[in-house]
C-alpha atoms as a PDB file:
ATOM      1  CA  MET A   1      33.554  24.704 -35.459  1.00  0.00           C
ATOM      2  CA  ASN A   2      31.614  27.223 -33.384  1.00  0.00           C
ATOM      3  CA  GLY A   3      27.887  26.747 -33.805  1.00  0.00           C
ATOM      4  CA  VAL A   4      28.287  23.303 -35.386  1.00  0.00           C
ATOM      5  CA  ARG A   5      26.615  20.499 -33.432  1.00  0.00           C
ATOM      6  CA  ASN A   6      27.772  16.979 -33.301  1.00  0.00           C
ATOM      7  CA  GLY A   7      25.047  14.589 -34.545  1.00  0.00           C
ATOM      8  CA  ARG A   8      25.341  12.448 -31.417  1.00  0.00           C
ATOM      9  CA  ASP A   9      24.342  15.330 -29.077  1.00  0.00           C
ATOM     10  CA  ARG A  10      20.852  15.868 -30.519  1.00  0.00           C
ATOM     11  CA  GLY A  11      18.963  13.382 -28.302  1.00  0.00           C
ATOM     12  CA  GLN A  12      20.751  14.310 -25.079  1.00  0.00           C
ATOM     13  CA  VAL A  13      17.948  16.568 -23.771  1.00  0.00           C
ATOM     14  CA  ALA A  14      15.336  13.871 -24.356  1.00  0.00           C
ATOM     15  CA  ILE A  15      17.438  11.316 -22.484  1.00  0.00           C
ATOM     16  CA  GLU A  16      17.937  13.723 -19.566  1.00  0.00           C
ATOM     17  CA  TYR A  17      14.184  14.391 -19.422  1.00  0.00           C
ATOM     18  CA  ILE A  18      13.363  10.668 -19.428  1.00  0.00           C
ATOM     19  CA  GLY A  19      15.851  10.177 -16.600  1.00  0.00           C
ATOM     20  CA  PHE A  20      14.197  12.940 -14.552  1.00  0.00           C
ATOM     21  CA  LEU A  21      10.621  11.744 -15.214  1.00  0.00           C
ATOM     22  CA  PRO A  22      10.530   9.086 -12.431  1.00  0.00           C
ATOM     23  CA  ILE A  23      11.513  11.734  -9.878  1.00  0.00           C
ATOM     24  CA  LEU A  24       8.707  14.004 -11.087  1.00  0.00           C
ATOM     25  CA  LEU A  25       6.207  11.143 -10.844  1.00  0.00           C
ATOM     26  CA  ILE A  26       7.249  10.291  -7.277  1.00  0.00           C
ATOM     27  CA  VAL A  27       6.962  13.951  -6.217  1.00  0.00           C
ATOM     28  CA  ALA A  28       3.513  14.207  -7.841  1.00  0.00           C
ATOM     29  CA  LEU A  29       2.300  11.002  -6.164  1.00  0.00           C
ATOM     30  CA  GLY A  30       3.632  12.293  -2.840  1.00  0.00           C
ATOM     31  CA  ALA A  31       1.668  15.525  -3.226  1.00  0.00           C
ATOM     32  CA  VAL A  32      -1.505  13.606  -4.067  1.00  0.00           C
ATOM     33  CA  GLN A  33      -0.947  11.293  -1.078  1.00  0.00           C
ATOM     34  CA  LEU A  34      -0.535  14.260   1.294  1.00  0.00           C
ATOM     35  CA  GLY A  35      -3.793  15.721  -0.012  1.00  0.00           C
ATOM     36  CA  LEU A  36      -5.516  12.372   0.470  1.00  0.00           C
ATOM     37  CA  ILE A  37      -4.251  12.153   4.055  1.00  0.00           C
ATOM     38  CA  ALA A  38      -5.570  15.644   4.831  1.00  0.00           C
ATOM     39  CA  TYR A  39      -8.925  14.895   3.169  1.00  0.00           C
ATOM     40  CA  THR A  40      -9.336  11.633   5.104  1.00  0.00           C
ATOM     41  CA  ALA A  41      -8.552  13.411   8.397  1.00  0.00           C
ATOM     42  CA  GLN A  42     -11.163  16.068   7.587  1.00  0.00           C
ATOM     43  CA  GLN A  43     -13.706  13.358   6.772  1.00  0.00           C
ATOM     44  CA  ALA A  44     -12.953  11.597  10.084  1.00  0.00           C
ATOM     45  CA  GLY A  45     -13.639  14.831  11.987  1.00  0.00           C
ATOM     46  CA  THR A  46     -16.953  15.318  10.206  1.00  0.00           C
ATOM     47  CA  ALA A  47     -17.934  11.691  10.837  1.00  0.00           C
ATOM     48  CA  ALA A  48     -17.054  11.898  14.543  1.00  0.00           C
ATOM     49  CA  ARG A  49     -19.118  15.072  15.054  1.00  0.00           C
ATOM     50  CA  THR A  50     -22.086  13.646  13.145  1.00  0.00           C
ATOM     51  CA  GLY A  51     -21.905  10.347  15.017  1.00  0.00           C
ATOM     52  CA  ALA A  52     -21.648  12.068  18.407  1.00  0.00           C
ATOM     53  CA  ARG A  53     -24.587  14.340  17.585  1.00  0.00           C
ATOM     54  CA  SER A  54     -26.679  11.329  16.542  1.00  0.00           C
ATOM     55  CA  ALA A  55     -25.637   9.259  19.568  1.00  0.00           C
ATOM     56  CA  SER A  56     -26.500  12.146  21.921  1.00  0.00           C
ATOM     57  CA  LEU A  57     -30.043  12.034  20.515  1.00  0.00           C
ATOM     58  CA  GLU A  58     -30.046   8.218  20.769  1.00  0.00           C
ATOM     59  CA  GLY A  59     -30.184   7.853  16.999  1.00  0.00           C
ATOM     60  CA  PRO A  60     -28.470   5.341  14.697  1.00  0.00           C
ATOM     61  CA  TYR A  61     -25.088   6.958  15.306  1.00  0.00           C
ATOM     62  CA  GLU A  62     -22.952   4.381  13.477  1.00  0.00           C
ATOM     63  CA  ALA A  63     -25.012   4.640  10.270  1.00  0.00           C
ATOM     64  CA  ASP A  64     -25.056   8.442  10.543  1.00  0.00           C
ATOM     65  CA  CYS A  65     -21.294   8.482  11.102  1.00  0.00           C
ATOM     66  CA  ARG A  66     -20.676   6.433   7.941  1.00  0.00           C
ATOM     67  CA  ALA A  67     -23.194   8.499   5.947  1.00  0.00           C
ATOM     68  CA  ALA A  68     -21.205  11.660   6.747  1.00  0.00           C
ATOM     69  CA  VAL A  69     -18.150  10.226   4.956  1.00  0.00           C
ATOM     70  CA  SER A  70     -17.575  10.169   1.188  1.00  0.00           C
ATOM     71  CA  SER A  71     -18.945   6.932  -0.249  1.00  0.00           C
ATOM     72  CA  TRP A  72     -15.516   5.658  -1.350  1.00  0.00           C
ATOM     73  CA  LEU A  73     -14.229   5.953   2.244  1.00  0.00           C
ATOM     74  CA  ALA A  74     -17.368   4.727   4.070  1.00  0.00           C
ATOM     75  CA  ASP A  75     -16.485   1.024   3.878  1.00  0.00           C
ATOM     76  CA  GLU A  76     -13.204   1.737   5.676  1.00  0.00           C
ATOM     77  CA  THR A  77     -14.900   3.685   8.496  1.00  0.00           C
ATOM     78  CA  SER A  78     -15.618   2.561  12.046  1.00  0.00           C
ATOM     79  CA  CYS A  79     -17.368   4.678  14.676  1.00  0.00           C
ATOM     80  CA  PRO A  80     -17.370   3.188  18.190  1.00  0.00           C
ATOM     81  CA  ALA A  81     -19.147   5.179  20.893  1.00  0.00           C
ATOM     82  CA  SER A  82     -18.620   5.367  24.634  1.00  0.00           C
ATOM     83  CA  TYR A  83     -21.197   6.709  27.060  1.00  0.00           C
ATOM     84  CA  GLY A  84     -20.138   8.369  30.279  1.00  0.00           C
ATOM     85  CA  GLY A  85     -22.636  10.108  32.518  1.00  0.00           C
ATOM     86  CA  ASP A  86     -24.193  13.032  30.686  1.00  0.00           C
ATOM     87  CA  GLU A  87     -22.066  12.834  27.550  1.00  0.00           C
ATOM     88  CA  VAL A  88     -21.280  10.534  24.658  1.00  0.00           C
ATOM     89  CA  THR A  89     -17.979  10.265  22.795  1.00  0.00           C
ATOM     90  CA  VAL A  90     -17.661   8.902  19.272  1.00  0.00           C
ATOM     91  CA  THR A  91     -14.307   8.145  17.683  1.00  0.00           C
ATOM     92  CA  ALA A  92     -14.290   7.903  13.898  1.00  0.00           C
ATOM     93  CA  GLU A  93     -11.489   5.865  12.379  1.00  0.00           C
ATOM     94  CA  ILE A  94     -10.962   5.833   8.619  1.00  0.00           C
ATOM     95  CA  THR A  95      -8.289   3.854   6.814  1.00  0.00           C
ATOM     96  CA  ILE A  96      -6.209   6.195   4.645  1.00  0.00           C
ATOM     97  CA  PRO A  97      -5.950   4.781   1.111  1.00  0.00           C
ATOM     98  CA  SER A  98      -2.631   4.779  -0.708  1.00  0.00           C
ATOM     99  CA  VAL A  99      -1.863   6.006  -4.228  1.00  0.00           C
ATOM    100  CA  PHE A 100       1.498   4.224  -4.263  1.00  0.00           C
ATOM    101  CA  PRO A 101       1.539   0.838  -5.985  1.00  0.00           C
ATOM    102  CA  GLY A 102       2.179  -2.054  -3.618  1.00  0.00           C
ATOM    103  CA  LYS A 103       1.106  -0.168  -0.489  1.00  0.00           C
ATOM    104  CA  ASP A 104      -2.436  -0.922   0.720  1.00  0.00           C
ATOM    105  CA  ASN A 105      -2.949   1.979   3.098  1.00  0.00           C
ATOM    106  CA  PHE A 106      -1.228   4.793   4.967  1.00  0.00           C
ATOM    107  CA  GLY A 107      -2.570   4.037   8.438  1.00  0.00           C
ATOM    108  CA  THR A 108      -5.692   5.405  10.062  1.00  0.00           C
ATOM    109  CA  ALA A 109      -7.127   8.881  10.493  1.00  0.00           C
ATOM    110  CA  ARG A 110      -8.722   9.060  13.947  1.00  0.00           C
ATOM    111  CA  LYS A 111     -10.872  11.923  15.273  1.00  0.00           C
ATOM    112  CA  THR A 112     -12.990  12.095  18.421  1.00  0.00           C
ATOM    113  CA  ALA A 113     -16.037  14.219  19.251  1.00  0.00           C
ATOM    114  CA  THR A 114     -17.967  14.515  22.521  1.00  0.00           C
ATOM    115  CA  MET A 115     -21.537  15.787  22.851  1.00  0.00           C
ATOM    116  CA  PRO A 116     -23.855  16.165  25.850  1.00  0.00           C
ATOM    117  CA  ARG A 117     -26.600  13.532  26.005  1.00  0.00           C
ATOM    118  CA  ASP A 118     -30.157  14.663  25.426  1.00  0.00           C
ATOM    119  CA  HIS A 119     -32.289  13.053  28.135  1.00  0.00           C
END
């Protein structure tokens, strides 16, 4: 009987693969979510620097802050500024979107930038 396969064993590999597929999907979604978190944090840093630069020149800092963010993240962006003496600080906050079904977001990416005011 060496080398002779039982007819019932033929689909075993396919069944094992189908059983492992959900784990692969969760790992892949996790990797995409981590990348999205890092990208949103990078976008928040860019928005904060742009907003602070604009606010230091007394420009439309909130609009400039949002314009520095990718269009699909701009609606979830807020850029409050605080003025103190000879400097201005802008904090960009962007809601981190989720790729997991049933979860709306993954919190907020928050970055702050301070620039000297141009008098």
